[in-house]
Amino acid sequence: MSWSTDFKADISLVHIVFRTKDELLDSIKEHEENINIIKQKLAMYAISSPKEIIEPLINEEDIFDKESRIDVIQGEVNDNLSYLEELIRELQALEMFLEVLENNPDKDIMEFYPYKDEKEE
């Protein structure tokens, strides 16, 4: 016998409207592609030298000491990790919305939005 913790959550896709399931699937695919790009970039950073990482990020005129270079690299990694976290949260919400759509095939996607466009009225 197993046990679990059950709960319900209200999830909002703020400022995002999908008029069709295909639009939602395209957004999921785009999020997955962006996540893979960031994963590849972070993996590249792991096997690169600091010089290889920093050269594309700075102008030729910029002169950095060792500490400044580390700060630039750390900032770039932190920016990518923050963006990755954001994309993963959004992807999870999109996948949950897709699951709701698939579990309610009799409902039109627009029925999930609390408002109607002025054009539709």
Protein backbone atom coordinates (compact mmCIF):
# COMPACT_ATOMS: atom_id res chain seq x y z
CA MET A 1 0.00 0.00 0.00
CA SER A 2 1.30 3.46 -0.85
CA TRP A 3 0.46 6.92 0.36
CA SER A 4 0.61 10.38 -1.13
CA THR A 5 -0.07 14.01 -0.42
CA ASP A 6 -2.85 15.45 -2.55
CA PHE A 7 -3.42 19.14 -3.10
CA LYS A 8 -4.91 21.48 -5.68
CA ALA A 9 -3.15 24.49 -7.09
CA ASP A 10 -4.33 27.47 -9.07
CA ILE A 11 -1.86 28.19 -11.84
CA SER A 12 -2.04 31.28 -14.00
CA LEU A 13 -0.40 31.80 -17.35
CA VAL A 14 -0.07 35.55 -17.02
CA HIS A 15 -0.41 37.58 -20.23
CA ILE A 16 -0.45 34.41 -22.35
CA VAL A 17 -3.39 33.42 -24.49
CA PHE A 18 -3.54 30.33 -26.65
CA ARG A 19 -6.35 30.26 -29.16
CA THR A 20 -5.62 26.68 -30.23
CA LYS A 21 -3.99 23.59 -28.80
CA ASP A 22 -1.39 23.82 -31.58
CA GLU A 23 -0.30 27.26 -30.30
CA LEU A 24 0.18 25.71 -26.86
CA LEU A 25 2.16 22.81 -28.32
CA ASP A 26 4.36 25.27 -30.26
CA SER A 27 5.06 27.19 -27.07
CA ILE A 28 5.98 23.97 -25.24
CA LYS A 29 8.33 23.03 -28.08
CA GLU A 30 9.92 26.50 -28.04
CA HIS A 31 10.47 26.30 -24.27
CA GLU A 32 12.06 22.84 -24.63
CA GLU A 33 14.38 24.12 -27.37
CA ASN A 34 15.42 27.16 -25.28
CA ILE A 35 16.08 24.91 -22.28
CA ASN A 36 18.31 22.69 -24.41
CA ILE A 37 20.22 25.71 -25.74
CA ILE A 38 20.95 26.90 -22.21
CA LYS A 39 21.96 23.40 -21.09
CA GLN A 40 24.37 23.17 -24.02
CA LYS A 41 25.79 26.62 -23.25
CA LEU A 42 26.35 25.73 -19.59
CA ALA A 43 27.98 22.44 -20.58
CA MET A 44 30.25 24.37 -22.96
CA TYR A 45 31.21 26.70 -20.11
CA ALA A 46 32.15 23.67 -18.00
CA ILE A 47 34.72 22.45 -20.54
CA SER A 48 36.00 25.86 -21.68
CA SER A 49 38.81 27.98 -20.38
CA PRO A 50 37.89 31.34 -18.83
CA LYS A 51 39.47 33.08 -21.83
CA GLU A 52 37.22 31.16 -24.26
CA ILE A 53 34.15 32.13 -22.26
CA ILE A 54 34.93 35.79 -21.76
CA GLU A 55 36.18 36.71 -25.26
CA PRO A 56 32.72 36.67 -26.92
CA LEU A 57 31.26 38.65 -24.00
CA ILE A 58 33.56 41.69 -24.07
CA ASN A 59 34.76 44.33 -26.50
CA GLU A 60 38.37 44.30 -27.63
CA GLU A 61 38.92 47.65 -25.88
CA ASP A 62 37.79 46.27 -22.51
CA ILE A 63 40.61 45.38 -20.20
CA PHE A 64 39.72 43.21 -17.23
CA ASP A 65 41.79 42.02 -14.35
CA LYS A 66 41.45 38.41 -13.24
CA GLU A 67 38.80 39.21 -10.62
CA SER A 68 36.69 41.17 -13.11
CA ARG A 69 36.83 38.30 -15.59
CA ILE A 70 35.57 35.93 -12.94
CA ASP A 71 32.73 38.35 -12.14
CA VAL A 72 31.76 38.55 -15.84
CA ILE A 73 31.74 34.76 -16.16
CA GLN A 74 29.85 34.32 -12.90
CA GLY A 75 27.28 36.89 -14.04
CA GLU A 76 26.83 35.12 -17.37
CA VAL A 77 26.36 31.74 -15.66
CA ASN A 78 23.93 33.20 -13.11
CA ASP A 79 21.91 34.89 -15.88
CA ASN A 80 21.67 31.60 -17.76
CA LEU A 81 20.69 29.68 -14.63
CA SER A 82 17.98 32.24 -13.80
CA TYR A 83 16.61 32.07 -17.32
CA LEU A 84 16.72 28.25 -17.20
CA GLU A 85 14.73 28.24 -13.94
CA GLU A 86 12.16 30.62 -15.45
CA LEU A 87 11.79 28.48 -18.57
CA ILE A 88 11.39 25.29 -16.54
CA ARG A 89 8.65 26.86 -14.37
CA GLU A 90 6.83 28.14 -17.45
CA LEU A 91 7.20 24.79 -19.22
CA GLN A 92 5.75 22.98 -16.24
CA ALA A 93 2.72 25.30 -16.21
CA LEU A 94 2.25 24.87 -19.98
CA GLU A 95 2.42 21.08 -19.67
CA MET A 96 -0.14 21.17 -16.87
CA PHE A 97 -2.44 23.27 -19.04
CA LEU A 98 -1.99 20.78 -21.87
CA GLU A 99 -2.89 17.95 -19.48
CA VAL A 100 -6.06 19.81 -18.44
CA LEU A 101 -6.99 20.26 -22.11
CA GLU A 102 -6.40 16.58 -22.84
CA ASN A 103 -8.47 15.55 -19.81
CA ASN A 104 -11.33 17.82 -20.92
CA PRO A 105 -11.70 17.17 -24.65
CA ASP A 106 -15.26 18.48 -24.65
CA LYS A 107 -14.13 21.99 -23.62
CA ASP A 108 -12.88 24.58 -26.07
CA ILE A 109 -9.52 26.10 -25.16
CA MET A 110 -11.06 29.58 -24.96
CA GLU A 111 -13.38 28.44 -22.17
CA PHE A 112 -10.39 28.49 -19.82
CA TYR A 113 -9.98 32.25 -20.14
CA PRO A 114 -11.97 34.50 -17.79
CA TYR A 115 -12.62 37.15 -20.41
CA LYS A 116 -13.61 37.39 -24.03
CA ASP A 117 -12.03 39.54 -26.70
CA GLU A 118 -14.10 42.52 -27.74
CA LYS A 119 -14.04 41.14 -31.28
CA GLU A 120 -15.76 37.95 -30.14
CA GLU A 121 -18.74 39.72 -28.58
